[in-house]
Amino acid sequence: MLRSIEATVEINGEVRLREPLYVNRPCRAIVTILDDLAVPESALLSEESLARDWERPGEDEAWSHLK
């Protein structure tokens, strides 16, 4: 069975899991290093105002034909 969990790899190589992981026996694992995705500042600054618009009553119904 394959399972993926999020982790952070420290500069010294230490792997810190973001959630507890329990296994029945010793298991092999593969660690894949992901490049940090830069989030444009404009996206962060507009998130709150867009959320207010998206969370209005009726928004889901208005866009339901696109699902």
PDB file of N, CA and C in Angstrom:
ATOM      1  N   MET A   1       0.843  -1.170   0.000  1.00  0.00           N
ATOM      2  CA  MET A   1       0.000   0.000   0.000  1.00  0.00           C
ATOM      3  C   MET A   1       0.896   1.243   0.000  1.00  0.00           C
ATOM      4  N   LEU A   2       0.570   2.191  -0.854  1.00  0.00           N
ATOM      5  CA  LEU A   2       1.301   3.455  -0.886  1.00  0.00           C
ATOM      6  C   LEU A   2       0.533   4.491  -0.080  1.00  0.00           C
ATOM      7  N   ARG A   3       1.259   5.258   0.700  1.00  0.00           N
ATOM      8  CA  ARG A   3       0.691   6.348   1.490  1.00  0.00           C
ATOM      9  C   ARG A   3       1.606   7.540   1.365  1.00  0.00           C
ATOM     10  N   SER A   4       1.032   8.698   1.238  1.00  0.00           N
ATOM     11  CA  SER A   4       1.826   9.928   1.209  1.00  0.00           C
ATOM     12  C   SER A   4       1.444  10.778   2.403  1.00  0.00           C
ATOM     13  N   ILE A   5       2.444  11.331   3.067  1.00  0.00           N
ATOM     14  CA  ILE A   5       2.199  12.269   4.153  1.00  0.00           C
ATOM     15  C   ILE A   5       3.132  13.451   3.971  1.00  0.00           C
ATOM     16  N   GLU A   6       2.714  14.589   4.460  1.00  0.00           N
ATOM     17  CA  GLU A   6       3.520  15.793   4.315  1.00  0.00           C
ATOM     18  C   GLU A   6       4.580  15.849   5.406  1.00  0.00           C
ATOM     19  N   ALA A   7       5.745  16.325   5.034  1.00  0.00           N
ATOM     20  CA  ALA A   7       6.858  16.442   5.972  1.00  0.00           C
ATOM     21  C   ALA A   7       7.713  17.639   5.573  1.00  0.00           C
ATOM     22  N   THR A   8       8.581  18.034   6.476  1.00  0.00           N
ATOM     23  CA  THR A   8       9.556  19.083   6.204  1.00  0.00           C
ATOM     24  C   THR A   8      10.938  18.486   6.389  1.00  0.00           C
ATOM     25  N   VAL A   9      11.831  18.763   5.459  1.00  0.00           N
ATOM     26  CA  VAL A   9      13.210  18.305   5.581  1.00  0.00           C
ATOM     27  C   VAL A   9      14.045  19.504   6.020  1.00  0.00           C
ATOM     28  N   GLU A  10      14.669  19.377   7.174  1.00  0.00           N
ATOM     29  CA  GLU A  10      15.498  20.452   7.714  1.00  0.00           C
ATOM     30  C   GLU A  10      16.840  20.496   6.977  1.00  0.00           C
ATOM     31  N   ILE A  11      17.560  21.582   7.139  1.00  0.00           N
ATOM     32  CA  ILE A  11      18.855  21.765   6.479  1.00  0.00           C
ATOM     33  C   ILE A  11      19.822  20.643   6.826  1.00  0.00           C
ATOM     34  N   ASN A  12      19.735  20.133   8.056  1.00  0.00           N
ATOM     35  CA  ASN A  12      20.643  19.057   8.475  1.00  0.00           C
ATOM     36  C   ASN A  12      20.182  17.675   8.002  1.00  0.00           C
ATOM     37  N   GLY A  13      19.092  17.617   7.228  1.00  0.00           N
ATOM     38  CA  GLY A  13      18.599  16.351   6.695  1.00  0.00           C
ATOM     39  C   GLY A  13      17.536  15.682   7.538  1.00  0.00           C
ATOM     40  N   GLU A  14      17.254  16.235   8.704  1.00  0.00           N
ATOM     41  CA  GLU A  14      16.227  15.656   9.568  1.00  0.00           C
ATOM     42  C   GLU A  14      14.857  15.809   8.905  1.00  0.00           C
ATOM     43  N   VAL A  15      14.089  14.719   8.893  1.00  0.00           N
ATOM     44  CA  VAL A  15      12.749  14.730   8.313  1.00  0.00           C
ATOM     45  C   VAL A  15      11.738  14.841   9.445  1.00  0.00           C
ATOM     46  N   ARG A  16      10.899  15.865   9.397  1.00  0.00           N
ATOM     47  CA  ARG A  16       9.873  16.075  10.427  1.00  0.00           C
ATOM     48  C   ARG A  16       8.504  15.854   9.792  1.00  0.00           C
ATOM     49  N   LEU A  17       7.808  14.831  10.259  1.00  0.00           N
ATOM     50  CA  LEU A  17       6.477  14.532   9.752  1.00  0.00           C
ATOM     51  C   LEU A  17       5.477  15.535  10.313  1.00  0.00           C
ATOM     52  N   ARG A  18       4.510  15.934   9.505  1.00  0.00           N
ATOM     53  CA  ARG A  18       3.508  16.907   9.947  1.00  0.00           C
ATOM     54  C   ARG A  18       2.384  16.270  10.749  1.00  0.00           C
ATOM     55  N   GLU A  19       2.305  14.949  10.711  1.00  0.00           N
ATOM     56  CA  GLU A  19       1.289  14.226  11.475  1.00  0.00           C
ATOM     57  C   GLU A  19       1.883  12.904  11.925  1.00  0.00           C
ATOM     58  N   PRO A  20       1.332  12.311  12.969  1.00  0.00           N
ATOM     59  CA  PRO A  20       1.868  11.020  13.430  1.00  0.00           C
ATOM     60  C   PRO A  20       1.712   9.947  12.358  1.00  0.00           C
ATOM     61  N   LEU A  21       2.645   9.030  12.327  1.00  0.00           N
ATOM     62  CA  LEU A  21       2.613   7.929  11.364  1.00  0.00           C
ATOM     63  C   LEU A  21       2.825   6.636  12.129  1.00  0.00           C
ATOM     64  N   TYR A  22       1.907   5.711  11.976  1.00  0.00           N
ATOM     65  CA  TYR A  22       1.998   4.427  12.661  1.00  0.00           C
ATOM     66  C   TYR A  22       2.037   3.318  11.618  1.00  0.00           C
ATOM     67  N   VAL A  23       2.983   2.394  11.766  1.00  0.00           N
ATOM     68  CA  VAL A  23       3.110   1.250  10.858  1.00  0.00           C
ATOM     69  C   VAL A  23       3.193  -0.026  11.692  1.00  0.00           C
ATOM     70  N   ASN A  24       2.849  -1.153  11.078  1.00  0.00           N
ATOM     71  CA  ASN A  24       2.852  -2.441  11.781  1.00  0.00           C
ATOM     72  C   ASN A  24       4.228  -3.076  11.850  1.00  0.00           C
ATOM     73  N   ARG A  25       5.125  -2.628  10.968  1.00  0.00           N
ATOM     74  CA  ARG A  25       6.461  -3.216  10.883  1.00  0.00           C
ATOM     75  C   ARG A  25       7.377  -2.188  10.233  1.00  0.00           C
ATOM     76  N   PRO A  26       8.684  -2.383  10.288  1.00  0.00           N
ATOM     77  CA  PRO A  26       9.582  -1.464   9.582  1.00  0.00           C
ATOM     78  C   PRO A  26       9.240  -1.446   8.088  1.00  0.00           C
ATOM     79  N   CYS A  27       9.252  -0.279   7.496  1.00  0.00           N
ATOM     80  CA  CYS A  27       8.883  -0.120   6.086  1.00  0.00           C
ATOM     81  C   CYS A  27       9.914   0.737   5.365  1.00  0.00           C
ATOM     82  N   ARG A  28      10.041   0.489   4.090  1.00  0.00           N
ATOM     83  CA  ARG A  28      10.865   1.367   3.257  1.00  0.00           C
ATOM     84  C   ARG A  28      10.072   2.628   2.952  1.00  0.00           C
ATOM     85  N   ALA A  29      10.780   3.709   2.671  1.00  0.00           N
ATOM     86  CA  ALA A  29      10.122   4.969   2.334  1.00  0.00           C
ATOM     87  C   ALA A  29      10.952   5.700   1.292  1.00  0.00           C
ATOM     88  N   ILE A  30      10.301   6.523   0.525  1.00  0.00           N
ATOM     89  CA  ILE A  30      10.969   7.389  -0.443  1.00  0.00           C
ATOM     90  C   ILE A  30      10.643   8.826  -0.052  1.00  0.00           C
ATOM     91  N   VAL A  31      11.651   9.661   0.061  1.00  0.00           N
ATOM     92  CA  VAL A  31      11.450  11.072   0.373  1.00  0.00           C
ATOM     93  C   VAL A  31      11.649  11.852  -0.916  1.00  0.00           C
ATOM     94  N   THR A  32      10.644  12.607  -1.317  1.00  0.00           N
ATOM     95  CA  THR A  32      10.708  13.425  -2.520  1.00  0.00           C
ATOM     96  C   THR A  32      10.757  14.885  -2.100  1.00  0.00           C
ATOM     97  N   ILE A  33      11.765  15.606  -2.547  1.00  0.00           N
ATOM     98  CA  ILE A  33      11.915  17.014  -2.193  1.00  0.00           C
ATOM     99  C   ILE A  33      11.135  17.849  -3.202  1.00  0.00           C
ATOM    100  N   LEU A  34      10.208  18.671  -2.715  1.00  0.00           N
ATOM    101  CA  LEU A  34       9.394  19.532  -3.569  1.00  0.00           C
ATOM    102  C   LEU A  34       9.956  20.942  -3.547  1.00  0.00           C
ATOM    103  N   ASP A  35      10.006  21.576  -4.701  1.00  0.00           N
ATOM    104  CA  ASP A  35      10.403  22.977  -4.752  1.00  0.00           C
ATOM    105  C   ASP A  35       9.303  23.807  -4.113  1.00  0.00           C
ATOM    106  N   ASP A  36       9.687  24.813  -3.336  1.00  0.00           N
ATOM    107  CA  ASP A  36       8.684  25.716  -2.779  1.00  0.00           C
ATOM    108  C   ASP A  36       8.060  26.498  -3.920  1.00  0.00           C
ATOM    109  N   LEU A  37       6.740  26.545  -3.923  1.00  0.00           N
ATOM    110  CA  LEU A  37       6.043  27.318  -4.933  1.00  0.00           C
ATOM    111  C   LEU A  37       5.876  28.739  -4.416  1.00  0.00           C
ATOM    112  N   ALA A  38       6.403  29.674  -5.150  1.00  0.00           N
ATOM    113  CA  ALA A  38       6.274  31.066  -4.744  1.00  0.00           C
ATOM    114  C   ALA A  38       4.840  31.524  -5.003  1.00  0.00           C
ATOM    115  N   VAL A  39       4.206  32.085  -3.998  1.00  0.00           N
ATOM    116  CA  VAL A  39       2.856  32.608  -4.145  1.00  0.00           C
ATOM    117  C   VAL A  39       2.979  34.105  -4.382  1.00  0.00           C
ATOM    118  N   PRO A  40       2.441  34.582  -5.501  1.00  0.00           N
ATOM    119  CA  PRO A  40       2.535  36.018  -5.765  1.00  0.00           C
ATOM    120  C   PRO A  40       1.883  36.818  -4.636  1.00  0.00           C
ATOM    121  N   GLU A  41       2.528  37.910  -4.274  1.00  0.00           N
ATOM    122  CA  GLU A  41       2.020  38.745  -3.191  1.00  0.00           C
ATOM    123  C   GLU A  41       0.605  39.224  -3.480  1.00  0.00           C
ATOM    124  N   SER A  42       0.312  39.521  -4.744  1.00  0.00           N
ATOM    125  CA  SER A  42      -1.031  39.996  -5.092  1.00  0.00           C
ATOM    126  C   SER A  42      -2.095  38.947  -4.782  1.00  0.00           C
ATOM    127  N   ALA A  43      -1.760  37.665  -4.939  1.00  0.00           N
ATOM    128  CA  ALA A  43      -2.714  36.601  -4.618  1.00  0.00           C
ATOM    129  C   ALA A  43      -2.996  36.576  -3.123  1.00  0.00           C
ATOM    130  N   LEU A  44      -1.959  36.743  -2.319  1.00  0.00           N
ATOM    131  CA  LEU A  44      -2.150  36.751  -0.867  1.00  0.00           C
ATOM    132  C   LEU A  44      -2.965  37.961  -0.423  1.00  0.00           C
ATOM    133  N   LEU A  45      -2.700  39.107  -1.033  1.00  0.00           N
ATOM    134  CA  LEU A  45      -3.392  40.328  -0.639  1.00  0.00           C
ATOM    135  C   LEU A  45      -4.855  40.326  -1.054  1.00  0.00           C
ATOM    136  N   SER A  46      -5.200  39.660  -2.145  1.00  0.00           N
ATOM    137  CA  SER A  46      -6.586  39.655  -2.619  1.00  0.00           C
ATOM    138  C   SER A  46      -7.406  38.501  -2.051  1.00  0.00           C
ATOM    139  N   GLU A  47      -6.772  37.567  -1.364  1.00  0.00           N
ATOM    140  CA  GLU A  47      -7.469  36.369  -0.886  1.00  0.00           C
ATOM    141  C   GLU A  47      -8.668  36.706   0.001  1.00  0.00           C
ATOM    142  N   GLU A  48      -8.514  37.619   0.931  1.00  0.00           N
ATOM    143  CA  GLU A  48      -9.601  37.937   1.858  1.00  0.00           C
ATOM    144  C   GLU A  48     -10.801  38.539   1.135  1.00  0.00           C
ATOM    145  N   SER A  49     -10.558  39.494   0.240  1.00  0.00           N
ATOM    146  CA  SER A  49     -11.686  40.122  -0.455  1.00  0.00           C
ATOM    147  C   SER A  49     -12.360  39.146  -1.416  1.00  0.00           C
ATOM    148  N   LEU A  50     -11.588  38.288  -2.062  1.00  0.00           N
ATOM    149  CA  LEU A  50     -12.187  37.285  -2.942  1.00  0.00           C
ATOM    150  C   LEU A  50     -12.998  36.276  -2.143  1.00  0.00           C
ATOM    151  N   ALA A  51     -12.513  35.901  -0.978  1.00  0.00           N
ATOM    152  CA  ALA A  51     -13.239  34.945  -0.140  1.00  0.00           C
ATOM    153  C   ALA A  51     -14.602  35.503   0.246  1.00  0.00           C
ATOM    154  N   ARG A  52     -14.665  36.787   0.559  1.00  0.00           N
ATOM    155  CA  ARG A  52     -15.965  37.398   0.903  1.00  0.00           C
ATOM    156  C   ARG A  52     -16.935  37.248  -0.263  1.00  0.00           C
ATOM    157  N   ASP A  53     -16.448  37.445  -1.477  1.00  0.00           N
ATOM    158  CA  ASP A  53     -17.297  37.330  -2.662  1.00  0.00           C
ATOM    159  C   ASP A  53     -17.705  35.882  -2.907  1.00  0.00           C
ATOM    160  N   TRP A  54     -16.758  34.967  -2.797  1.00  0.00           N
ATOM    161  CA  TRP A  54     -17.031  33.554  -3.075  1.00  0.00           C
ATOM    162  C   TRP A  54     -17.959  32.931  -2.051  1.00  0.00           C
ATOM    163  N   GLU A  55     -17.938  33.425  -0.820  1.00  0.00           N
ATOM    164  CA  GLU A  55     -18.710  32.814   0.253  1.00  0.00           C
ATOM    165  C   GLU A  55     -20.097  33.425   0.418  1.00  0.00           C
ATOM    166  N   ARG A  56     -20.521  34.250  -0.518  1.00  0.00           N
ATOM    167  CA  ARG A  56     -21.859  34.833  -0.448  1.00  0.00           C
ATOM    168  C   ARG A  56     -22.908  33.747  -0.658  1.00  0.00           C
ATOM    169  N   PRO A  57     -24.057  33.910   0.011  1.00  0.00           N
ATOM    170  CA  PRO A  57     -25.142  32.955  -0.233  1.00  0.00           C
ATOM    171  C   PRO A  57     -25.518  32.976  -1.717  1.00  0.00           C
ATOM    172  N   GLY A  58     -25.742  31.834  -2.287  1.00  0.00           N
ATOM    173  CA  GLY A  58     -26.144  31.751  -3.683  1.00  0.00           C
ATOM    174  C   GLY A  58     -25.008  31.564  -4.665  1.00  0.00           C
ATOM    175  N   GLU A  59     -23.762  31.742  -4.237  1.00  0.00           N
ATOM    176  CA  GLU A  59     -22.626  31.585  -5.157  1.00  0.00           C
ATOM    177  C   GLU A  59     -22.534  30.164  -5.711  1.00  0.00           C
ATOM    178  N   ASP A  60     -22.684  29.162  -4.837  1.00  0.00           N
ATOM    179  CA  ASP A  60     -22.607  27.774  -5.304  1.00  0.00           C
ATOM    180  C   ASP A  60     -23.689  27.487  -6.337  1.00  0.00           C
ATOM    181  N   GLU A  61     -24.888  27.981  -6.070  1.00  0.00           N
ATOM    182  CA  GLU A  61     -25.988  27.752  -7.010  1.00  0.00           C
ATOM    183  C   GLU A  61     -25.732  28.475  -8.330  1.00  0.00           C
ATOM    184  N   ALA A  62     -25.204  29.681  -8.263  1.00  0.00           N
ATOM    185  CA  ALA A  62     -24.956  30.460  -9.479  1.00  0.00           C
ATOM    186  C   ALA A  62     -23.955  29.784 -10.407  1.00  0.00           C
ATOM    187  N   TRP A  63     -23.002  29.054  -9.847  1.00  0.00           N
ATOM    188  CA  TRP A  63     -21.962  28.418 -10.647  1.00  0.00           C
ATOM    189  C   TRP A  63     -22.166  26.912 -10.804  1.00  0.00           C
ATOM    190  N   SER A  64     -23.256  26.375 -10.280  1.00  0.00           N
ATOM    191  CA  SER A  64     -23.468  24.922 -10.288  1.00  0.00           C
ATOM    192  C   SER A  64     -23.546  24.335 -11.694  1.00  0.00           C
ATOM    193  N   HIS A  65     -23.952  25.131 -12.679  1.00  0.00           N
ATOM    194  CA  HIS A  65     -24.047  24.610 -14.053  1.00  0.00           C
ATOM    195  C   HIS A  65     -22.672  24.293 -14.649  1.00  0.00           C
ATOM    196  N   LEU A  66     -21.610  24.747 -14.027  1.00  0.00           N
ATOM    197  CA  LEU A  66     -20.262  24.483 -14.534  1.00  0.00           C
ATOM    198  C   LEU A  66     -19.644  23.223 -13.944  1.00  0.00           C
ATOM    199  N   LYS A  67     -20.307  22.602 -13.001  1.00  0.00           N
ATOM    200  CA  LYS A  67     -19.757  21.392 -12.368  1.00  0.00           C
ATOM    201  C   LYS A  67     -19.896  20.198 -13.275  1.00  0.00           C
TER     202      LYS A  67
END
